[in-house]
Amino acid sequence: MAGVEAPAEAGGRFFQVAFAADVAHVASVRCAVRELLGAWGLESFADVALLAAGELMANAIQHGCGNNDETVTVSAWCTADELLIGVGDPSSVQPRRRFAGERDESGRGLELVAAMVDRWGSELAPGRHGKRVWIAFRTTSKEAEA
């Protein structure tokens, strides 16, 4: 695991770390996100961000990687009014929301993520294979912008 923090444009903050595609690293992703949010003064988003980032990491490993030799990249950046977390994997297959039945053992992850965040989406990696699934949280209230 290697993290690199670099300044983002317009006074934002950026962080990126890569993990081997192994479910054992989901806990490490949660720890990294918790530390980062603490350093950025965004502790109030920690619980929901950890849950959503962990779900995206697990999905990337299960659906976006063929083996443990591949890498999953977790990024976080903060602008003046939004916290974004992205998880990249080597597959270009876009995620799709499923509607799991009562007896289904899986298929609820993106529904849970969608319910927890302000917005989410995915995009193909520019110029190479792979994709990034991202989630966003508003860090300012709509009333504060008025």
N, C-alpha and C. Protein backbone atom coordinates (compact mmCIF):
# COMPACT_ATOMS: atom_id res chain seq x y z
N MET A 1 0.85 -1.17 0.00
CA MET A 1 0.00 0.00 0.00
C MET A 1 0.89 1.23 0.00
N ALA A 2 0.65 2.14 -0.91
CA ALA A 2 1.43 3.37 -0.97
C ALA A 2 0.50 4.52 -1.27
N GLY A 3 0.50 5.53 -0.43
CA GLY A 3 -0.35 6.69 -0.62
C GLY A 3 0.46 7.89 -1.01
N VAL A 4 -0.11 8.71 -1.86
CA VAL A 4 0.55 9.94 -2.27
C VAL A 4 -0.46 11.05 -2.14
N GLU A 5 -0.13 12.08 -1.41
CA GLU A 5 -1.01 13.23 -1.30
C GLU A 5 -0.42 14.34 -2.15
N ALA A 6 -1.23 14.94 -2.98
CA ALA A 6 -0.77 15.99 -3.86
C ALA A 6 -1.79 17.11 -3.86
N PRO A 7 -1.35 18.34 -4.04
CA PRO A 7 -2.32 19.44 -4.07
C PRO A 7 -3.20 19.36 -5.31
N ALA A 8 -4.46 19.66 -5.14
CA ALA A 8 -5.39 19.71 -6.26
C ALA A 8 -5.60 21.17 -6.65
N GLU A 9 -6.18 21.38 -7.79
CA GLU A 9 -6.43 22.73 -8.25
C GLU A 9 -7.49 23.41 -7.40
N ALA A 10 -7.51 24.72 -7.43
CA ALA A 10 -8.53 25.55 -6.79
C ALA A 10 -8.62 25.34 -5.29
N GLY A 11 -7.49 25.07 -4.67
CA GLY A 11 -7.46 24.95 -3.22
C GLY A 11 -8.05 23.66 -2.68
N GLY A 12 -8.40 22.72 -3.54
CA GLY A 12 -8.95 21.45 -3.08
C GLY A 12 -7.86 20.56 -2.52
N ARG A 13 -8.23 19.42 -2.01
CA ARG A 13 -7.29 18.43 -1.48
C ARG A 13 -7.49 17.13 -2.22
N PHE A 14 -6.39 16.38 -2.39
CA PHE A 14 -6.43 15.13 -3.15
C PHE A 14 -5.57 14.09 -2.45
N PHE A 15 -6.03 12.83 -2.48
CA PHE A 15 -5.30 11.71 -1.91
C PHE A 15 -5.58 10.50 -2.77
N GLN A 16 -4.56 9.67 -2.98
CA GLN A 16 -4.75 8.44 -3.75
C GLN A 16 -3.88 7.34 -3.17
N VAL A 17 -4.42 6.15 -3.10
CA VAL A 17 -3.69 5.00 -2.60
C VAL A 17 -4.10 3.76 -3.40
N ALA A 18 -3.14 2.88 -3.65
CA ALA A 18 -3.42 1.66 -4.42
C ALA A 18 -3.30 0.44 -3.51
N PHE A 19 -4.18 -0.52 -3.70
CA PHE A 19 -4.20 -1.75 -2.93
C PHE A 19 -4.24 -2.93 -3.88
N ALA A 20 -3.65 -4.04 -3.46
CA ALA A 20 -3.82 -5.29 -4.20
C ALA A 20 -5.29 -5.69 -4.10
N ALA A 21 -5.80 -6.33 -5.14
CA ALA A 21 -7.21 -6.71 -5.20
C ALA A 21 -7.47 -7.92 -4.30
N ASP A 22 -7.52 -7.64 -3.01
CA ASP A 22 -7.72 -8.69 -2.01
C ASP A 22 -8.69 -8.16 -0.97
N VAL A 23 -9.73 -8.95 -0.66
CA VAL A 23 -10.75 -8.48 0.29
C VAL A 23 -10.16 -8.14 1.65
N ALA A 24 -8.99 -8.67 1.97
CA ALA A 24 -8.34 -8.33 3.24
C ALA A 24 -8.00 -6.85 3.31
N HIS A 25 -7.93 -6.17 2.16
CA HIS A 25 -7.58 -4.75 2.15
C HIS A 25 -8.78 -3.81 2.33
N VAL A 26 -9.98 -4.34 2.37
CA VAL A 26 -11.15 -3.48 2.56
C VAL A 26 -11.04 -2.75 3.90
N ALA A 27 -10.61 -3.43 4.93
CA ALA A 27 -10.43 -2.78 6.24
C ALA A 27 -9.36 -1.70 6.16
N SER A 28 -8.31 -1.92 5.38
CA SER A 28 -7.26 -0.92 5.21
C SER A 28 -7.80 0.32 4.51
N VAL A 29 -8.69 0.12 3.56
CA VAL A 29 -9.32 1.26 2.88
C VAL A 29 -10.12 2.08 3.88
N ARG A 30 -10.88 1.41 4.71
CA ARG A 30 -11.67 2.12 5.72
C ARG A 30 -10.76 2.92 6.65
N CYS A 31 -9.67 2.33 7.09
CA CYS A 31 -8.73 3.03 7.97
C CYS A 31 -8.13 4.24 7.28
N ALA A 32 -7.73 4.09 6.02
CA ALA A 32 -7.14 5.20 5.28
C ALA A 32 -8.14 6.34 5.11
N VAL A 33 -9.38 6.01 4.80
CA VAL A 33 -10.41 7.04 4.62
C VAL A 33 -10.69 7.74 5.95
N ARG A 34 -10.76 6.99 7.05
CA ARG A 34 -11.00 7.60 8.36
C ARG A 34 -9.89 8.58 8.72
N GLU A 35 -8.63 8.18 8.54
CA GLU A 35 -7.49 9.05 8.83
C GLU A 35 -7.53 10.31 7.98
N LEU A 36 -7.81 10.13 6.70
CA LEU A 36 -7.85 11.26 5.79
C LEU A 36 -8.94 12.25 6.16
N LEU A 37 -10.13 11.76 6.44
CA LEU A 37 -11.23 12.66 6.80
C LEU A 37 -10.94 13.38 8.10
N GLY A 38 -10.27 12.72 9.03
CA GLY A 38 -9.86 13.39 10.26
C GLY A 38 -8.88 14.51 9.98
N ALA A 39 -7.90 14.25 9.12
CA ALA A 39 -6.91 15.26 8.77
C ALA A 39 -7.55 16.44 8.03
N TRP A 40 -8.59 16.17 7.27
CA TRP A 40 -9.26 17.23 6.52
C TRP A 40 -10.38 17.90 7.32
N GLY A 41 -10.60 17.48 8.56
CA GLY A 41 -11.65 18.08 9.38
C GLY A 41 -13.05 17.69 8.94
N LEU A 42 -13.19 16.52 8.35
CA LEU A 42 -14.49 16.06 7.84
C LEU A 42 -14.96 14.81 8.58
N GLU A 43 -14.71 14.76 9.88
CA GLU A 43 -15.08 13.59 10.67
C GLU A 43 -16.57 13.30 10.63
N SER A 44 -17.38 14.31 10.42
CA SER A 44 -18.83 14.11 10.41
C SER A 44 -19.29 13.22 9.26
N PHE A 45 -18.45 13.04 8.25
CA PHE A 45 -18.79 12.18 7.12
C PHE A 45 -18.21 10.77 7.27
N ALA A 46 -17.45 10.55 8.33
CA ALA A 46 -16.66 9.31 8.43
C ALA A 46 -17.49 8.04 8.36
N ASP A 47 -18.51 7.90 9.17
CA ASP A 47 -19.25 6.64 9.21
C ASP A 47 -19.83 6.26 7.86
N VAL A 48 -20.54 7.17 7.24
CA VAL A 48 -21.17 6.85 5.96
C VAL A 48 -20.12 6.72 4.86
N ALA A 49 -19.07 7.52 4.89
CA ALA A 49 -18.02 7.43 3.88
C ALA A 49 -17.27 6.10 3.99
N LEU A 50 -17.02 5.65 5.21
CA LEU A 50 -16.34 4.36 5.39
C LEU A 50 -17.18 3.21 4.87
N LEU A 51 -18.45 3.24 5.16
CA LEU A 51 -19.34 2.19 4.70
C LEU A 51 -19.42 2.17 3.17
N ALA A 52 -19.61 3.35 2.57
CA ALA A 52 -19.74 3.42 1.12
C ALA A 52 -18.43 3.07 0.42
N ALA A 53 -17.30 3.58 0.92
CA ALA A 53 -16.00 3.28 0.30
C ALA A 53 -15.68 1.80 0.43
N GLY A 54 -16.00 1.20 1.56
CA GLY A 54 -15.77 -0.23 1.73
C GLY A 54 -16.60 -1.05 0.75
N GLU A 55 -17.84 -0.64 0.52
CA GLU A 55 -18.70 -1.34 -0.43
C GLU A 55 -18.15 -1.21 -1.85
N LEU A 56 -17.71 -0.01 -2.22
CA LEU A 56 -17.13 0.18 -3.56
C LEU A 56 -15.86 -0.64 -3.73
N MET A 57 -15.04 -0.70 -2.69
CA MET A 57 -13.81 -1.50 -2.75
C MET A 57 -14.15 -2.98 -2.92
N ALA A 58 -15.09 -3.48 -2.14
CA ALA A 58 -15.49 -4.89 -2.25
C ALA A 58 -16.05 -5.19 -3.64
N ASN A 59 -16.86 -4.27 -4.18
CA ASN A 59 -17.40 -4.46 -5.52
C ASN A 59 -16.29 -4.47 -6.57
N ALA A 60 -15.32 -3.58 -6.42
CA ALA A 60 -14.20 -3.51 -7.38
C ALA A 60 -13.43 -4.83 -7.38
N ILE A 61 -13.20 -5.38 -6.21
CA ILE A 61 -12.46 -6.64 -6.11
C ILE A 61 -13.28 -7.79 -6.70
N GLN A 62 -14.56 -7.85 -6.34
CA GLN A 62 -15.40 -8.96 -6.78
C GLN A 62 -15.74 -8.90 -8.26
N HIS A 63 -16.07 -7.71 -8.76
CA HIS A 63 -16.57 -7.59 -10.13
C HIS A 63 -15.59 -6.97 -11.12
N GLY A 64 -14.57 -6.28 -10.63
CA GLY A 64 -13.68 -5.56 -11.52
C GLY A 64 -12.29 -6.13 -11.66
N CYS A 65 -11.98 -7.14 -10.86
CA CYS A 65 -10.64 -7.73 -10.90
C CYS A 65 -10.74 -9.22 -11.16
N GLY A 66 -9.80 -9.71 -11.93
CA GLY A 66 -9.79 -11.13 -12.24
C GLY A 66 -8.98 -11.95 -11.25
N ASN A 67 -8.03 -11.29 -10.56
CA ASN A 67 -7.19 -12.02 -9.61
C ASN A 67 -6.53 -11.04 -8.63
N ASN A 68 -5.83 -11.58 -7.64
CA ASN A 68 -5.20 -10.75 -6.61
C ASN A 68 -3.98 -9.99 -7.11
N ASP A 69 -3.51 -10.27 -8.33
CA ASP A 69 -2.37 -9.56 -8.88
C ASP A 69 -2.76 -8.18 -9.40
N GLU A 70 -4.05 -7.93 -9.52
CA GLU A 70 -4.50 -6.63 -10.03
C GLU A 70 -4.59 -5.62 -8.89
N THR A 71 -4.73 -4.36 -9.27
CA THR A 71 -4.71 -3.27 -8.29
C THR A 71 -6.03 -2.51 -8.31
N VAL A 72 -6.47 -2.11 -7.13
CA VAL A 72 -7.63 -1.24 -6.98
C VAL A 72 -7.10 0.08 -6.40
N THR A 73 -7.50 1.19 -7.01
CA THR A 73 -7.04 2.49 -6.58
C THR A 73 -8.17 3.24 -5.88
N VAL A 74 -7.89 3.78 -4.72
CA VAL A 74 -8.86 4.56 -3.97
C VAL A 74 -8.37 6.00 -3.95
N SER A 75 -9.24 6.91 -4.37
CA SER A 75 -8.91 8.33 -4.41
C SER A 75 -9.94 9.10 -3.59
N ALA A 76 -9.50 10.19 -3.03
CA ALA A 76 -10.42 11.10 -2.34
C ALA A 76 -9.98 12.51 -2.65
N TRP A 77 -10.95 13.37 -2.89
CA TRP A 77 -10.62 14.77 -3.10
C TRP A 77 -11.75 15.60 -2.55
N CYS A 78 -11.39 16.79 -2.15
CA CYS A 78 -12.33 17.68 -1.50
C CYS A 78 -12.25 19.04 -2.17
N THR A 79 -13.39 19.54 -2.58
CA THR A 79 -13.47 20.88 -3.15
C THR A 79 -14.08 21.79 -2.09
N ALA A 80 -14.42 22.98 -2.45
CA ALA A 80 -15.00 23.93 -1.50
C ALA A 80 -16.32 23.45 -0.92
N ASP A 81 -17.06 22.62 -1.66
CA ASP A 81 -18.38 22.22 -1.18
C ASP A 81 -18.69 20.73 -1.31
N GLU A 82 -17.68 19.91 -1.65
CA GLU A 82 -17.99 18.52 -1.88
C GLU A 82 -16.79 17.61 -1.55
N LEU A 83 -17.09 16.46 -0.97
CA LEU A 83 -16.12 15.40 -0.73
C LEU A 83 -16.44 14.30 -1.73
N LEU A 84 -15.42 13.88 -2.48
CA LEU A 84 -15.60 12.81 -3.46
C LEU A 84 -14.63 11.68 -3.15
N ILE A 85 -15.11 10.46 -3.30
CA ILE A 85 -14.28 9.27 -3.11
C ILE A 85 -14.49 8.40 -4.33
N GLY A 86 -13.40 7.96 -4.94
CA GLY A 86 -13.48 7.12 -6.12
C GLY A 86 -12.70 5.83 -5.93
N VAL A 87 -13.19 4.77 -6.53
CA VAL A 87 -12.50 3.48 -6.50
C VAL A 87 -12.35 3.01 -7.95
N GLY A 88 -11.09 2.83 -8.35
CA GLY A 88 -10.81 2.41 -9.72
C GLY A 88 -10.38 0.96 -9.78
N ASP A 89 -10.81 0.27 -10.83
CA ASP A 89 -10.40 -1.12 -11.04
C ASP A 89 -10.11 -1.33 -12.52
N PRO A 90 -9.50 -2.45 -12.89
CA PRO A 90 -9.08 -2.65 -14.28
C PRO A 90 -10.19 -3.02 -15.27
N SER A 91 -11.39 -3.26 -14.82
CA SER A 91 -12.47 -3.65 -15.73
C SER A 91 -13.16 -2.42 -16.30
N SER A 92 -13.54 -2.49 -17.58
CA SER A 92 -14.30 -1.39 -18.16
C SER A 92 -15.81 -1.65 -18.14
N VAL A 93 -16.22 -2.73 -17.50
CA VAL A 93 -17.64 -3.03 -17.36
C VAL A 93 -18.22 -2.09 -16.31
N GLN A 94 -19.22 -1.31 -16.71
CA GLN A 94 -19.83 -0.34 -15.81
C GLN A 94 -20.71 -1.03 -14.77
N PRO A 95 -20.76 -0.48 -13.56
CA PRO A 95 -21.62 -1.08 -12.53
C PRO A 95 -23.09 -0.86 -12.87
N ARG A 96 -23.90 -1.75 -12.37
CA ARG A 96 -25.34 -1.59 -12.56
C ARG A 96 -26.04 -1.91 -11.26
N ARG A 97 -27.05 -1.11 -10.98
CA ARG A 97 -27.83 -1.35 -9.78
C ARG A 97 -28.73 -2.54 -10.01
N ARG A 98 -28.80 -3.40 -9.01
CA ARG A 98 -29.69 -4.56 -9.05
C ARG A 98 -30.73 -4.40 -7.97
N PHE A 99 -31.82 -5.06 -8.13
CA PHE A 99 -32.87 -5.04 -7.12
C PHE A 99 -33.00 -6.46 -6.59
N ALA A 100 -32.34 -6.71 -5.49
CA ALA A 100 -32.27 -8.05 -4.91
C ALA A 100 -33.58 -8.40 -4.21
N GLY A 101 -33.94 -9.65 -4.30
CA GLY A 101 -35.10 -10.16 -3.60
C GLY A 101 -34.76 -10.50 -2.15
N GLU A 102 -35.76 -10.83 -1.38
CA GLU A 102 -35.56 -11.15 0.04
C GLU A 102 -34.57 -12.28 0.27
N ARG A 103 -34.56 -13.25 -0.59
CA ARG A 103 -33.70 -14.43 -0.40
C ARG A 103 -32.34 -14.30 -1.09
N ASP A 104 -32.14 -13.25 -1.86
CA ASP A 104 -30.85 -13.06 -2.52
C ASP A 104 -29.79 -12.70 -1.49
N GLU A 105 -28.61 -13.33 -1.64
CA GLU A 105 -27.52 -13.09 -0.69
C GLU A 105 -26.66 -11.89 -1.07
N SER A 106 -26.80 -11.40 -2.26
CA SER A 106 -26.02 -10.23 -2.69
C SER A 106 -26.88 -9.41 -3.64
N GLY A 107 -26.32 -8.28 -4.09
CA GLY A 107 -27.02 -7.45 -5.03
C GLY A 107 -27.61 -6.18 -4.45
N ARG A 108 -27.29 -5.87 -3.20
CA ARG A 108 -27.85 -4.68 -2.56
C ARG A 108 -26.85 -3.54 -2.41
N GLY A 109 -25.59 -3.79 -2.73
CA GLY A 109 -24.53 -2.83 -2.46
C GLY A 109 -24.72 -1.46 -3.06
N LEU A 110 -24.97 -1.39 -4.36
CA LEU A 110 -25.13 -0.08 -4.98
C LEU A 110 -26.41 0.61 -4.54
N GLU A 111 -27.44 -0.15 -4.21
CA GLU A 111 -28.66 0.46 -3.66
C GLU A 111 -28.35 1.14 -2.32
N LEU A 112 -27.57 0.46 -1.49
CA LEU A 112 -27.19 1.05 -0.21
C LEU A 112 -26.33 2.29 -0.41
N VAL A 113 -25.36 2.18 -1.31
CA VAL A 113 -24.48 3.32 -1.59
C VAL A 113 -25.30 4.50 -2.09
N ALA A 114 -26.19 4.27 -3.04
CA ALA A 114 -27.02 5.34 -3.60
C ALA A 114 -27.86 6.02 -2.54
N ALA A 115 -28.31 5.25 -1.54
CA ALA A 115 -29.14 5.82 -0.48
C ALA A 115 -28.32 6.65 0.51
N MET A 116 -27.02 6.40 0.60
CA MET A 116 -26.18 7.08 1.60
C MET A 116 -25.52 8.35 1.10
N VAL A 117 -25.33 8.48 -0.20
CA VAL A 117 -24.54 9.58 -0.74
C VAL A 117 -25.43 10.60 -1.44
N ASP A 118 -24.88 11.77 -1.70
CA ASP A 118 -25.65 12.79 -2.42
C ASP A 118 -25.74 12.48 -3.91
N ARG A 119 -24.67 11.92 -4.44
CA ARG A 119 -24.69 11.47 -5.83
C ARG A 119 -23.57 10.46 -6.03
N TRP A 120 -23.68 9.67 -7.10
CA TRP A 120 -22.65 8.70 -7.41
C TRP A 120 -22.66 8.47 -8.92
N GLY A 121 -21.60 7.87 -9.41
CA GLY A 121 -21.54 7.57 -10.83
C GLY A 121 -20.30 6.75 -11.14
N SER A 122 -20.08 6.54 -12.42
CA SER A 122 -18.88 5.82 -12.85
C SER A 122 -18.43 6.40 -14.17
N GLU A 123 -17.16 6.20 -14.44
CA GLU A 123 -16.59 6.70 -15.69
C GLU A 123 -15.46 5.79 -16.12
N LEU A 124 -15.32 5.65 -17.42
CA LEU A 124 -14.21 4.87 -17.95
C LEU A 124 -12.92 5.66 -17.74
N ALA A 125 -11.84 4.95 -17.50
CA ALA A 125 -10.54 5.59 -17.33
C ALA A 125 -10.11 6.15 -18.68
N PRO A 126 -9.68 7.41 -18.72
CA PRO A 126 -9.28 8.00 -19.99
C PRO A 126 -7.98 7.37 -20.52
N GLY A 127 -7.98 6.98 -21.78
CA GLY A 127 -6.78 6.51 -22.44
C GLY A 127 -6.30 5.12 -22.08
N ARG A 128 -7.00 4.42 -21.21
CA ARG A 128 -6.58 3.07 -20.87
C ARG A 128 -7.79 2.27 -20.41
N HIS A 129 -7.61 1.00 -20.15
CA HIS A 129 -8.74 0.18 -19.72
C HIS A 129 -9.04 0.48 -18.25
N GLY A 130 -10.22 0.13 -17.84
CA GLY A 130 -10.60 0.30 -16.45
C GLY A 130 -11.66 1.37 -16.27
N LYS A 131 -12.09 1.51 -15.05
CA LYS A 131 -13.12 2.49 -14.70
C LYS A 131 -12.91 2.99 -13.29
N ARG A 132 -13.63 4.05 -12.95
CA ARG A 132 -13.66 4.55 -11.58
C ARG A 132 -15.13 4.75 -11.20
N VAL A 133 -15.51 4.20 -10.08
CA VAL A 133 -16.84 4.43 -9.51
C VAL A 133 -16.64 5.44 -8.39
N TRP A 134 -17.45 6.49 -8.37
CA TRP A 134 -17.24 7.55 -7.39
C TRP A 134 -18.54 7.86 -6.65
N ILE A 135 -18.34 8.41 -5.45
CA ILE A 135 -19.44 8.87 -4.62
C ILE A 135 -19.14 10.30 -4.18
N ALA A 136 -20.17 11.06 -3.92
CA ALA A 136 -19.99 12.47 -3.54
C ALA A 136 -20.90 12.82 -2.37
N PHE A 137 -20.35 13.62 -1.47
CA PHE A 137 -21.08 14.14 -0.31
C PHE A 137 -20.96 15.66 -0.33
N ARG A 138 -22.07 16.36 -0.17
CA ARG A 138 -22.01 17.82 -0.04
C ARG A 138 -21.43 18.15 1.33
N THR A 139 -20.46 19.04 1.37
CA THR A 139 -19.87 19.44 2.64
C THR A 139 -20.40 20.78 3.12
N THR A 140 -21.21 21.44 2.30
CA THR A 140 -21.85 22.68 2.70
C THR A 140 -23.36 22.49 2.54
N SER A 141 -24.10 23.19 3.33
CA SER A 141 -25.56 23.10 3.23
C SER A 141 -26.05 24.02 2.12
N LYS A 142 -27.19 23.69 1.57
CA LYS A 142 -27.78 24.54 0.52
C LYS A 142 -28.10 25.92 1.08
N GLU A 143 -28.46 25.99 2.36
CA GLU A 143 -28.78 27.28 2.98
C GLU A 143 -27.54 28.17 3.05
N ALA A 144 -26.36 27.57 3.26
CA ALA A 144 -25.13 28.34 3.36
C ALA A 144 -24.74 28.96 2.03
N GLU A 145 -25.20 28.36 0.91
CA GLU A 145 -24.89 28.88 -0.41
C GLU A 145 -25.79 30.01 -0.81
N ALA A 146 -26.97 30.12 -0.19
CA ALA A 146 -27.95 31.14 -0.58
C ALA A 146 -27.57 32.52 -0.10
